[in-house]
Amino acid sequence: MRKEIKESLTKTQNTFFEFVEGANNAPIKEEWGSDHRSGKKDDFYGDIGSFKEMYEACYKGLNAKKMSKARADLNNLVNHEIETPRKAVVGETLNVGAFCAGHPYHFYKDADEYGKPRVHVAYSTNAVAGVTSSQFIRHGAALCSLVDQIADQVDVKISLYITNSGVLTGKGCQIVTIKDYDEVIDVPRVAATAHPSFFRRIGFAWFENAKTLIDNSCATSCGGSYTGRERRYIISDEEFSDWLGVAQDELLIDLPAPNEKQFKDDKATAVWLKQSTAAIEKSIDEDKNICKLFASEL
C-alpha cells in the first residue's frame, strides 16, 4: 500500500487484493457500517447483510453473470466501431518522476516505435443512498462495454477510486488497481466492485478502521461520498492524476459514480457510451491528458 497524508487530504493506493484483504484484517463493526445485519435488501447497503459474505463474494464472481449479460446488451445497443488515431510514444528514456513515485510504467518507447495510445480508466465506486442494484450493475457493465469499444485501438489500465468528505481526518482519496496494461479485463472483479455492498462493506471497513489500516492520525468515520463533478472539492485533477500515476503519454479517462443519471436504464447508458467513445477519440486526437465522462462534461 502507498499512502500520503497532506494537510487534510489522506491518499492511499492498493491492489484489489490488498484492499480486500486489508479490510478483512480490520476489526469489523457489527452495526450500521461495514457489518450491518438487517437481513433484508436495502438500497443503501445492498443485498449483502454482513462483511464476511461480501468478503467471500469478492472472490466468487459476484454479479458476474448479470454484468456479463448487461455488458453484451449494451454492446449490442452501441454497435459502434472505433477508428482511433494513433500517436507515437517516443524516447527510450527513464521517466524520473514516475520512477521515483514507484510507478511500474516509467520508460518511454523507442523513437521509431508507434504503439497504441495508453488509456488509464478510473471509475468511482462511491454512491449515495437510494441507488438501486441495477444501477450499480449497469455502471459496471458500462465500464466493461466502454473498454470493449476502445480495446482494439488503445492499451487500457483500470482503477477504481473512492473519494469522501468527513473521512480520514477530513478528506480521503483511495485508489484500487483493477486491471493493469498487460492484463485482460476481469469481469468478476469489476462485478464485485460494482455491487453496492462492496462500498458499504469493504470501503466502510477501511473508513471505520483508518487509524489501524492507514495511519494513527486518521479519524474513524464513514463520512459522505463526493461523486462526479463534486470530486473537485476533495482532490484536484492534477493531484488525482499524479496519485493515479498517470504518465505524460497516458490519457486519463474519469468515469462517474453509479448514482449518475446516465445509468438509470439501458437506453440512457447506451447514449452515454456513444458520447463517451466519441469524447475519448477526440481527446486522443487532440493529445489531451484527461477526459471526463460525467454527463455534464459530454
C-alpha atoms as a PDB file:
ATOM      1  CA  MET A   1       0.000   0.000   0.000  1.00  0.00           C
ATOM      2  CA  ARG A   2       1.114   3.517  -0.817  1.00  0.00           C
ATOM      3  CA  LYS A   3      -0.116   6.318   1.401  1.00  0.00           C
ATOM      4  CA  GLU A   4       0.368  10.037   1.761  1.00  0.00           C
ATOM      5  CA  ILE A   5      -1.128  12.460   4.245  1.00  0.00           C
ATOM      6  CA  LYS A   6      -1.033  16.086   3.194  1.00  0.00           C
ATOM      7  CA  GLU A   7      -2.807  18.526   5.491  1.00  0.00           C
ATOM      8  CA  SER A   8      -6.455  17.344   5.484  1.00  0.00           C
ATOM      9  CA  LEU A   9      -6.100  15.064   2.445  1.00  0.00           C
ATOM     10  CA  THR A  10      -5.281  11.393   3.006  1.00  0.00           C
ATOM     11  CA  LYS A  11      -4.470   9.306  -0.069  1.00  0.00           C
ATOM     12  CA  THR A  12      -3.970   5.553  -0.348  1.00  0.00           C
ATOM     13  CA  GLN A  13      -3.263   3.234  -3.266  1.00  0.00           C
ATOM     14  CA  ASN A  14      -3.726  -0.533  -3.214  1.00  0.00           C
ATOM     15  CA  THR A  15      -4.129  -3.513  -5.473  1.00  0.00           C
ATOM     16  CA  PHE A  16      -7.551  -5.172  -5.419  1.00  0.00           C
ATOM     17  CA  PHE A  17      -6.144  -7.983  -3.243  1.00  0.00           C
ATOM     18  CA  GLU A  18      -4.509  -5.542  -0.793  1.00  0.00           C
ATOM     19  CA  PHE A  19      -7.703  -3.540  -0.452  1.00  0.00           C
ATOM     20  CA  VAL A  20      -9.958  -6.531   0.165  1.00  0.00           C
ATOM     21  CA  GLU A  21      -7.511  -8.300   2.493  1.00  0.00           C
ATOM     22  CA  GLY A  22      -6.785  -5.071   4.372  1.00  0.00           C
ATOM     23  CA  ALA A  23     -10.485  -4.761   5.139  1.00  0.00           C
ATOM     24  CA  ASN A  24     -10.545  -8.420   6.187  1.00  0.00           C
ATOM     25  CA  ASN A  25      -7.754  -7.786   8.704  1.00  0.00           C
ATOM     26  CA  ALA A  26      -9.685  -4.960  10.362  1.00  0.00           C
ATOM     27  CA  PRO A  27     -11.874  -5.404  13.449  1.00  0.00           C
ATOM     28  CA  ILE A  28     -15.268  -5.296  11.753  1.00  0.00           C
ATOM     29  CA  LYS A  29     -18.068  -3.391  13.465  1.00  0.00           C
ATOM     30  CA  GLU A  30     -21.368  -5.223  13.850  1.00  0.00           C
ATOM     31  CA  GLU A  31     -23.540  -2.153  13.451  1.00  0.00           C
ATOM     32  CA  TRP A  32     -24.724   0.276  10.790  1.00  0.00           C
ATOM     33  CA  GLY A  33     -21.421   0.372   8.918  1.00  0.00           C
ATOM     34  CA  SER A  34     -19.397  -2.451   7.431  1.00  0.00           C
ATOM     35  CA  ASP A  35     -21.361  -5.255   9.109  1.00  0.00           C
ATOM     36  CA  HIS A  36     -24.992  -4.205   9.298  1.00  0.00           C
ATOM     37  CA  ARG A  37     -27.110  -7.396   9.573  1.00  0.00           C
ATOM     38  CA  SER A  38     -30.540  -6.195   8.504  1.00  0.00           C
ATOM     39  CA  GLY A  39     -31.458  -9.466   6.832  1.00  0.00           C
ATOM     40  CA  LYS A  40     -33.276  -7.647   4.052  1.00  0.00           C
ATOM     41  CA  LYS A  41     -32.455  -5.934   0.803  1.00  0.00           C
ATOM     42  CA  ASP A  42     -31.600  -2.287   1.205  1.00  0.00           C
ATOM     43  CA  ASP A  43     -30.869   0.352  -1.440  1.00  0.00           C
ATOM     44  CA  PHE A  44     -28.112   1.847   0.664  1.00  0.00           C
ATOM     45  CA  TYR A  45     -26.416  -1.291   1.962  1.00  0.00           C
ATOM     46  CA  GLY A  46     -27.163  -3.580  -0.957  1.00  0.00           C
ATOM     47  CA  ASP A  47     -28.438  -7.128  -0.564  1.00  0.00           C
ATOM     48  CA  ILE A  48     -25.431  -8.464   1.347  1.00  0.00           C
ATOM     49  CA  GLY A  49     -26.048  -8.303   5.078  1.00  0.00           C
ATOM     50  CA  SER A  50     -22.573  -8.880   6.511  1.00  0.00           C
ATOM     51  CA  PHE A  51     -18.932  -8.144   5.856  1.00  0.00           C
ATOM     52  CA  LYS A  52     -17.982 -11.836   5.736  1.00  0.00           C
ATOM     53  CA  GLU A  53     -20.493 -12.517   2.974  1.00  0.00           C
ATOM     54  CA  MET A  54     -19.199  -9.569   0.922  1.00  0.00           C
ATOM     55  CA  TYR A  55     -15.578 -10.579   1.514  1.00  0.00           C
ATOM     56  CA  GLU A  56     -16.241 -14.079   0.197  1.00  0.00           C
ATOM     57  CA  ALA A  57     -18.219 -12.700  -2.734  1.00  0.00           C
ATOM     58  CA  CYS A  58     -15.185 -10.671  -3.874  1.00  0.00           C
ATOM     59  CA  TYR A  59     -13.544 -13.934  -4.958  1.00  0.00           C
ATOM     60  CA  LYS A  60     -16.648 -15.741  -6.256  1.00  0.00           C
ATOM     61  CA  GLY A  61     -17.684 -13.633  -9.220  1.00  0.00           C
ATOM     62  CA  LEU A  62     -20.483 -11.716  -7.514  1.00  0.00           C
ATOM     63  CA  ASN A  63     -22.890 -10.321 -10.133  1.00  0.00           C
ATOM     64  CA  ALA A  64     -20.618 -11.610 -12.925  1.00  0.00           C
ATOM     65  CA  LYS A  65     -23.388 -13.333 -14.889  1.00  0.00           C
ATOM     66  CA  LYS A  66     -25.729 -10.365 -14.579  1.00  0.00           C
ATOM     67  CA  MET A  67     -22.953  -7.974 -15.536  1.00  0.00           C
ATOM     68  CA  SER A  68     -21.835 -10.103 -18.494  1.00  0.00           C
ATOM     69  CA  LYS A  69     -25.385 -10.056 -19.831  1.00  0.00           C
ATOM     70  CA  ALA A  70     -25.712  -6.318 -19.237  1.00  0.00           C
ATOM     71  CA  ARG A  71     -22.346  -5.819 -20.940  1.00  0.00           C
ATOM     72  CA  ALA A  72     -23.490  -7.806 -24.000  1.00  0.00           C
ATOM     73  CA  ASP A  73     -26.796  -5.921 -24.134  1.00  0.00           C
ATOM     74  CA  LEU A  74     -25.035  -2.570 -24.013  1.00  0.00           C
ATOM     75  CA  ASN A  75     -22.567  -3.637 -26.709  1.00  0.00           C
ATOM     76  CA  ASN A  76     -25.485  -4.595 -28.945  1.00  0.00           C
ATOM     77  CA  LEU A  77     -27.139  -1.238 -28.333  1.00  0.00           C
ATOM     78  CA  VAL A  78     -23.964   0.721 -29.005  1.00  0.00           C
ATOM     79  CA  ASN A  79     -22.769  -1.333 -32.010  1.00  0.00           C
ATOM     80  CA  HIS A  80     -20.035   1.167 -32.662  1.00  0.00           C
ATOM     81  CA  GLU A  81     -16.675   0.554 -34.327  1.00  0.00           C
ATOM     82  CA  ILE A  82     -13.949   2.985 -33.363  1.00  0.00           C
ATOM     83  CA  GLU A  83     -11.122   4.169 -35.565  1.00  0.00           C
ATOM     84  CA  THR A  84      -8.926   5.885 -33.037  1.00  0.00           C
ATOM     85  CA  PRO A  85      -5.928   7.903 -34.235  1.00  0.00           C
ATOM     86  CA  ARG A  86      -2.640   6.502 -33.043  1.00  0.00           C
ATOM     87  CA  LYS A  87       0.130   8.639 -31.690  1.00  0.00           C
ATOM     88  CA  ALA A  88       3.800   7.946 -31.158  1.00  0.00           C
ATOM     89  CA  VAL A  89       5.238   7.256 -27.741  1.00  0.00           C
ATOM     90  CA  VAL A  90       8.808   8.437 -28.102  1.00  0.00           C
ATOM     91  CA  GLY A  91      12.122   8.276 -26.268  1.00  0.00           C
ATOM     92  CA  GLU A  92      13.963   5.291 -24.770  1.00  0.00           C
ATOM     93  CA  THR A  93      14.436   7.303 -21.577  1.00  0.00           C
ATOM     94  CA  LEU A  94      13.573   6.971 -17.943  1.00  0.00           C
ATOM     95  CA  ASN A  95      10.588   8.944 -16.689  1.00  0.00           C
ATOM     96  CA  VAL A  96      12.281  10.019 -13.455  1.00  0.00           C
ATOM     97  CA  GLY A  97       9.141  11.362 -11.778  1.00  0.00           C
ATOM     98  CA  ALA A  98       7.182   8.166 -12.420  1.00  0.00           C
ATOM     99  CA  PHE A  99      10.135   6.013 -11.313  1.00  0.00           C
ATOM    100  CA  CYS A 100      10.593   7.908  -8.032  1.00  0.00           C
ATOM    101  CA  ALA A 101       6.866   7.636  -7.347  1.00  0.00           C
ATOM    102  CA  GLY A 102       7.095   3.856  -7.657  1.00  0.00           C
ATOM    103  CA  HIS A 103       5.007   3.511 -10.817  1.00  0.00           C
ATOM    104  CA  PRO A 104       5.806   0.388 -12.902  1.00  0.00           C
ATOM    105  CA  TYR A 105       5.495   2.166 -16.273  1.00  0.00           C
ATOM    106  CA  HIS A 106       8.429   4.573 -16.169  1.00  0.00           C
ATOM    107  CA  PHE A 107      10.120   4.091 -19.574  1.00  0.00           C
ATOM    108  CA  TYR A 108       9.236   5.648 -22.892  1.00  0.00           C
ATOM    109  CA  LYS A 109       9.457   3.596 -26.113  1.00  0.00           C
ATOM    110  CA  ASP A 110      11.993   3.860 -28.952  1.00  0.00           C
ATOM    111  CA  ALA A 111      11.601   6.863 -31.206  1.00  0.00           C
ATOM    112  CA  ASP A 112      10.863   4.661 -34.235  1.00  0.00           C
ATOM    113  CA  GLU A 113       8.125   2.691 -32.449  1.00  0.00           C
ATOM    114  CA  TYR A 114       4.486   3.604 -32.944  1.00  0.00           C
ATOM    115  CA  GLY A 115       2.419   1.940 -30.266  1.00  0.00           C
ATOM    116  CA  LYS A 116      -1.166   2.170 -29.215  1.00  0.00           C
ATOM    117  CA  PRO A 117      -2.136   5.157 -27.094  1.00  0.00           C
ATOM    118  CA  ARG A 118      -2.241   4.267 -23.403  1.00  0.00           C
ATOM    119  CA  VAL A 119      -5.510   4.988 -21.635  1.00  0.00           C
ATOM    120  CA  HIS A 120      -5.977   4.843 -17.870  1.00  0.00           C
ATOM    121  CA  VAL A 121      -9.654   4.454 -16.978  1.00  0.00           C
ATOM    122  CA  ALA A 122     -10.592   5.470 -13.422  1.00  0.00           C
ATOM    123  CA  TYR A 123     -14.140   4.887 -12.209  1.00  0.00           C
ATOM    124  CA  SER A 124     -15.802   5.960  -8.990  1.00  0.00           C
ATOM    125  CA  THR A 125     -17.402   3.241  -6.873  1.00  0.00           C
ATOM    126  CA  ASN A 126     -18.924   5.789  -4.495  1.00  0.00           C
ATOM    127  CA  ALA A 127     -22.680   6.053  -4.227  1.00  0.00           C
ATOM    128  CA  VAL A 128     -25.174   7.997  -2.208  1.00  0.00           C
ATOM    129  CA  ALA A 129     -28.234   6.438  -0.585  1.00  0.00           C
ATOM    130  CA  GLY A 130     -31.092   5.213  -2.742  1.00  0.00           C
ATOM    131  CA  VAL A 131     -29.030   3.878  -5.659  1.00  0.00           C
ATOM    132  CA  THR A 132     -30.510   0.600  -6.904  1.00  0.00           C
ATOM    133  CA  SER A 133     -28.560  -2.590  -7.517  1.00  0.00           C
ATOM    134  CA  SER A 134     -29.471  -2.390 -11.222  1.00  0.00           C
ATOM    135  CA  GLN A 135     -27.719   0.987 -11.463  1.00  0.00           C
ATOM    136  CA  PHE A 136     -24.590  -0.494  -9.917  1.00  0.00           C
ATOM    137  CA  ILE A 137     -24.642  -3.431 -12.336  1.00  0.00           C
ATOM    138  CA  ARG A 138     -25.299  -1.155 -15.319  1.00  0.00           C
ATOM    139  CA  HIS A 139     -22.482   1.124 -14.163  1.00  0.00           C
ATOM    140  CA  GLY A 140     -20.015  -1.790 -14.078  1.00  0.00           C
ATOM    141  CA  ALA A 141     -21.306  -3.177 -17.387  1.00  0.00           C
ATOM    142  CA  ALA A 142     -20.857   0.275 -18.951  1.00  0.00           C
ATOM    143  CA  LEU A 143     -17.223   0.258 -17.836  1.00  0.00           C
ATOM    144  CA  CYS A 144     -16.654  -3.186 -19.414  1.00  0.00           C
ATOM    145  CA  SER A 145     -18.516  -2.160 -22.573  1.00  0.00           C
ATOM    146  CA  LEU A 146     -16.508   1.039 -22.880  1.00  0.00           C
ATOM    147  CA  VAL A 147     -13.276  -0.970 -22.687  1.00  0.00           C
ATOM    148  CA  ASP A 148     -14.683  -3.318 -25.353  1.00  0.00           C
ATOM    149  CA  GLN A 149     -15.269  -0.343 -27.645  1.00  0.00           C
ATOM    150  CA  ILE A 150     -11.732   1.017 -27.399  1.00  0.00           C
ATOM    151  CA  ALA A 151      -9.582  -2.042 -26.614  1.00  0.00           C
ATOM    152  CA  ASP A 152      -8.536  -2.745 -30.229  1.00  0.00           C
ATOM    153  CA  GLN A 153      -7.122   0.745 -30.654  1.00  0.00           C
ATOM    154  CA  VAL A 154      -5.646   1.568 -27.240  1.00  0.00           C
ATOM    155  CA  ASP A 155      -3.947  -0.147 -24.315  1.00  0.00           C
ATOM    156  CA  VAL A 156      -6.084   0.106 -21.179  1.00  0.00           C
ATOM    157  CA  LYS A 157      -5.426   0.214 -17.444  1.00  0.00           C
ATOM    158  CA  ILE A 158      -8.347   0.354 -14.972  1.00  0.00           C
ATOM    159  CA  SER A 159      -8.526   1.732 -11.435  1.00  0.00           C
ATOM    160  CA  LEU A 160     -11.426   2.415  -9.110  1.00  0.00           C
ATOM    161  CA  TYR A 161     -11.447   5.296  -6.673  1.00  0.00           C
ATOM    162  CA  ILE A 162     -13.322   6.261  -3.543  1.00  0.00           C
ATOM    163  CA  THR A 163     -13.475   9.921  -2.520  1.00  0.00           C
ATOM    164  CA  ASN A 164     -15.021  11.120   0.715  1.00  0.00           C
ATOM    165  CA  SER A 165     -15.551  14.164   2.873  1.00  0.00           C
ATOM    166  CA  GLY A 166     -15.551  13.759   6.635  1.00  0.00           C
ATOM    167  CA  VAL A 167     -13.359  10.659   6.387  1.00  0.00           C
ATOM    168  CA  LEU A 168      -9.674  10.079   7.142  1.00  0.00           C
ATOM    169  CA  THR A 169      -9.079  13.365   9.008  1.00  0.00           C
ATOM    170  CA  GLY A 170     -11.333  15.352   6.731  1.00  0.00           C
ATOM    171  CA  LYS A 171     -10.854  14.218   3.160  1.00  0.00           C
ATOM    172  CA  GLY A 172      -9.851  10.964   1.530  1.00  0.00           C
ATOM    173  CA  CYS A 173      -8.955   9.617  -1.907  1.00  0.00           C
ATOM    174  CA  GLN A 174      -8.377   5.879  -2.209  1.00  0.00           C
ATOM    175  CA  ILE A 175      -7.170   4.236  -5.421  1.00  0.00           C
ATOM    176  CA  VAL A 176      -7.503   0.493  -6.123  1.00  0.00           C
ATOM    177  CA  THR A 177      -5.899  -1.099  -9.200  1.00  0.00           C
ATOM    178  CA  ILE A 178      -8.365  -3.369 -11.044  1.00  0.00           C
ATOM    179  CA  LYS A 179      -6.558  -4.105 -14.323  1.00  0.00           C
ATOM    180  CA  ASP A 180      -3.019  -3.315 -15.442  1.00  0.00           C
ATOM    181  CA  TYR A 181      -1.964  -2.789 -19.047  1.00  0.00           C
ATOM    182  CA  ASP A 182      -0.754  -6.351 -19.581  1.00  0.00           C
ATOM    183  CA  GLU A 183      -3.939  -7.960 -18.184  1.00  0.00           C
ATOM    184  CA  VAL A 184      -7.313  -8.762 -19.724  1.00  0.00           C
ATOM    185  CA  ILE A 185     -10.357  -7.168 -18.145  1.00  0.00           C
ATOM    186  CA  ASP A 186     -11.592  -9.280 -15.233  1.00  0.00           C
ATOM    187  CA  VAL A 187     -15.391  -9.082 -15.353  1.00  0.00           C
ATOM    188  CA  PRO A 188     -15.882 -10.856 -11.989  1.00  0.00           C
ATOM    189  CA  ARG A 189     -13.553  -8.347 -10.314  1.00  0.00           C
ATOM    190  CA  VAL A 190     -15.335  -5.383 -11.855  1.00  0.00           C
ATOM    191  CA  ALA A 191     -18.656  -7.018 -10.957  1.00  0.00           C
ATOM    192  CA  ALA A 192     -17.668  -7.293  -7.305  1.00  0.00           C
ATOM    193  CA  THR A 193     -16.611  -3.644  -7.071  1.00  0.00           C
ATOM    194  CA  ALA A 194     -19.756  -2.544  -8.920  1.00  0.00           C
ATOM    195  CA  HIS A 195     -22.029  -4.008  -6.273  1.00  0.00           C
ATOM    196  CA  PRO A 196     -23.453  -1.588  -3.676  1.00  0.00           C
ATOM    197  CA  SER A 197     -22.309  -3.773  -0.801  1.00  0.00           C
ATOM    198  CA  PHE A 198     -18.652  -3.544  -1.888  1.00  0.00           C
ATOM    199  CA  PHE A 199     -18.514   0.133  -0.987  1.00  0.00           C
ATOM    200  CA  ARG A 200     -20.766  -0.293   2.060  1.00  0.00           C
ATOM    201  CA  ARG A 201     -18.843  -3.274   3.479  1.00  0.00           C
ATOM    202  CA  ILE A 202     -15.252  -3.256   2.195  1.00  0.00           C
ATOM    203  CA  GLY A 203     -14.948   0.522   1.827  1.00  0.00           C
ATOM    204  CA  PHE A 204     -16.555   1.259   5.177  1.00  0.00           C
ATOM    205  CA  ALA A 205     -14.239  -1.248   6.875  1.00  0.00           C
ATOM    206  CA  TRP A 206     -11.342   0.966   5.792  1.00  0.00           C
ATOM    207  CA  PHE A 207     -13.029   4.172   6.950  1.00  0.00           C
ATOM    208  CA  GLU A 208     -14.016   2.722  10.311  1.00  0.00           C
ATOM    209  CA  ASN A 209     -10.508   1.395  10.945  1.00  0.00           C
ATOM    210  CA  ALA A 210      -8.444   4.104   9.271  1.00  0.00           C
ATOM    211  CA  LYS A 211      -6.251   4.541  12.359  1.00  0.00           C
ATOM    212  CA  THR A 212      -5.145   0.907  12.101  1.00  0.00           C
ATOM    213  CA  LEU A 213      -5.171   0.361   8.343  1.00  0.00           C
ATOM    214  CA  ILE A 214      -3.726   3.696   7.217  1.00  0.00           C
ATOM    215  CA  ASP A 215      -2.284   5.933   9.914  1.00  0.00           C
ATOM    216  CA  ASN A 216      -2.820   6.689  13.595  1.00  0.00           C
ATOM    217  CA  SER A 217      -3.536  10.338  12.757  1.00  0.00           C
ATOM    218  CA  CYS A 218      -6.631   9.377  10.759  1.00  0.00           C
ATOM    219  CA  ALA A 219     -10.142   9.866  12.031  1.00  0.00           C
ATOM    220  CA  THR A 220     -12.558   6.940  12.048  1.00  0.00           C
ATOM    221  CA  SER A 221     -15.900   7.671  10.432  1.00  0.00           C
ATOM    222  CA  CYS A 222     -17.890   6.889   7.307  1.00  0.00           C
ATOM    223  CA  GLY A 223     -18.478  10.439   6.125  1.00  0.00           C
ATOM    224  CA  GLY A 224     -20.196  11.271   2.864  1.00  0.00           C
ATOM    225  CA  SER A 225     -19.321  10.416  -0.728  1.00  0.00           C
ATOM    226  CA  TYR A 226     -18.295  13.055  -3.234  1.00  0.00           C
ATOM    227  CA  THR A 227     -19.053  11.765  -6.720  1.00  0.00           C
ATOM    228  CA  GLY A 228     -18.928  13.052 -10.267  1.00  0.00           C
ATOM    229  CA  ARG A 229     -18.012  16.714 -10.557  1.00  0.00           C
ATOM    230  CA  GLU A 230     -18.126  17.079  -6.763  1.00  0.00           C
ATOM    231  CA  ARG A 231     -14.821  15.226  -6.597  1.00  0.00           C
ATOM    232  CA  ARG A 232     -13.045  18.530  -7.231  1.00  0.00           C
ATOM    233  CA  TYR A 233     -13.884  19.520  -3.644  1.00  0.00           C
ATOM    234  CA  ILE A 234     -11.815  16.580  -2.406  1.00  0.00           C
ATOM    235  CA  ILE A 235      -8.856  16.429  -4.763  1.00  0.00           C
ATOM    236  CA  SER A 236      -7.756  18.464  -7.784  1.00  0.00           C
ATOM    237  CA  ASP A 237      -7.429  16.952 -11.256  1.00  0.00           C
ATOM    238  CA  GLU A 238      -3.681  17.464 -11.095  1.00  0.00           C
ATOM    239  CA  GLU A 239      -3.234  15.719  -7.750  1.00  0.00           C
ATOM    240  CA  PHE A 240      -5.681  12.974  -8.741  1.00  0.00           C
ATOM    241  CA  SER A 241      -3.710  12.250 -11.932  1.00  0.00           C
ATOM    242  CA  ASP A 242      -0.436  12.320 -10.049  1.00  0.00           C
ATOM    243  CA  TRP A 243      -1.665   9.906  -7.379  1.00  0.00           C
ATOM    244  CA  LEU A 244      -3.022   7.531 -10.023  1.00  0.00           C
ATOM    245  CA  GLY A 245       0.418   7.513 -11.606  1.00  0.00           C
ATOM    246  CA  VAL A 246      -0.711   8.871 -14.966  1.00  0.00           C
ATOM    247  CA  ALA A 247       2.373   9.364 -17.154  1.00  0.00           C
ATOM    248  CA  GLN A 248       2.851  12.059 -19.786  1.00  0.00           C
ATOM    249  CA  ASP A 249       1.998   9.667 -22.596  1.00  0.00           C
ATOM    250  CA  GLU A 250      -1.245   8.473 -20.986  1.00  0.00           C
ATOM    251  CA  LEU A 251      -4.804   9.725 -21.285  1.00  0.00           C
ATOM    252  CA  LEU A 252      -6.796   9.649 -18.035  1.00  0.00           C
ATOM    253  CA  ILE A 253     -10.453   8.717 -18.507  1.00  0.00           C
ATOM    254  CA  ASP A 254     -12.516   9.815 -15.489  1.00  0.00           C
ATOM    255  CA  LEU A 255     -15.808   7.907 -15.081  1.00  0.00           C
ATOM    256  CA  PRO A 256     -18.672   8.993 -12.809  1.00  0.00           C
ATOM    257  CA  ALA A 257     -20.266   7.045  -9.978  1.00  0.00           C
ATOM    258  CA  PRO A 258     -23.305   4.727 -10.348  1.00  0.00           C
ATOM    259  CA  ASN A 259     -25.703   7.312  -8.955  1.00  0.00           C
ATOM    260  CA  GLU A 260     -25.285   9.467 -12.080  1.00  0.00           C
ATOM    261  CA  LYS A 261     -28.448   9.766 -14.208  1.00  0.00           C
ATOM    262  CA  GLN A 262     -26.981   8.056 -17.299  1.00  0.00           C
ATOM    263  CA  PHE A 263     -27.124   4.679 -15.535  1.00  0.00           C
ATOM    264  CA  LYS A 264     -30.869   4.792 -14.820  1.00  0.00           C
ATOM    265  CA  ASP A 265     -31.665   2.466 -17.771  1.00  0.00           C
ATOM    266  CA  ASP A 266     -30.037   0.711 -20.740  1.00  0.00           C
ATOM    267  CA  LYS A 267     -31.084   3.315 -23.302  1.00  0.00           C
ATOM    268  CA  ALA A 268     -29.592   6.224 -21.367  1.00  0.00           C
ATOM    269  CA  THR A 269     -26.408   4.244 -20.728  1.00  0.00           C
ATOM    270  CA  ALA A 270     -26.052   3.340 -24.427  1.00  0.00           C
ATOM    271  CA  VAL A 271     -26.355   7.012 -25.366  1.00  0.00           C
ATOM    272  CA  TRP A 272     -23.716   7.863 -22.760  1.00  0.00           C
ATOM    273  CA  LEU A 273     -21.417   5.138 -24.128  1.00  0.00           C
ATOM    274  CA  LYS A 274     -21.622   6.510 -27.670  1.00  0.00           C
ATOM    275  CA  GLN A 275     -20.914  10.037 -26.418  1.00  0.00           C
ATOM    276  CA  SER A 276     -18.077   8.762 -24.250  1.00  0.00           C
ATOM    277  CA  THR A 277     -16.303   6.839 -27.012  1.00  0.00           C
ATOM    278  CA  ALA A 278     -16.536   9.920 -29.233  1.00  0.00           C
ATOM    279  CA  ALA A 279     -15.103  12.061 -26.419  1.00  0.00           C
ATOM    280  CA  ILE A 280     -12.211   9.617 -25.970  1.00  0.00           C
ATOM    281  CA  GLU A 281     -11.481   9.654 -29.715  1.00  0.00           C
ATOM    282  CA  LYS A 282     -11.415  13.440 -29.694  1.00  0.00           C
ATOM    283  CA  SER A 283      -9.195  13.589 -26.604  1.00  0.00           C
ATOM    284  CA  ILE A 284      -6.653  11.232 -28.161  1.00  0.00           C
ATOM    285  CA  ASP A 285      -6.738  13.143 -31.443  1.00  0.00           C
ATOM    286  CA  GLU A 286      -6.162  16.412 -29.589  1.00  0.00           C
ATOM    287  CA  ASP A 287      -3.457  14.863 -27.402  1.00  0.00           C
ATOM    288  CA  LYS A 288      -5.244  15.728 -24.156  1.00  0.00           C
ATOM    289  CA  ASN A 289      -4.212  14.359 -20.772  1.00  0.00           C
ATOM    290  CA  ILE A 290      -7.662  13.956 -19.200  1.00  0.00           C
ATOM    291  CA  CYS A 291     -11.143  13.166 -20.490  1.00  0.00           C
ATOM    292  CA  LYS A 292     -14.083  13.434 -18.058  1.00  0.00           C
ATOM    293  CA  LEU A 293     -17.099  11.293 -18.889  1.00  0.00           C
ATOM    294  CA  PHE A 294     -19.532  12.966 -16.489  1.00  0.00           C
ATOM    295  CA  ALA A 295     -22.769  13.626 -18.390  1.00  0.00           C
ATOM    296  CA  SER A 296     -22.400  17.364 -17.828  1.00  0.00           C
ATOM    297  CA  GLU A 297     -18.968  17.305 -19.493  1.00  0.00           C
ATOM    298  CA  LEU A 298     -20.017  15.475 -22.686  1.00  0.00           C
END
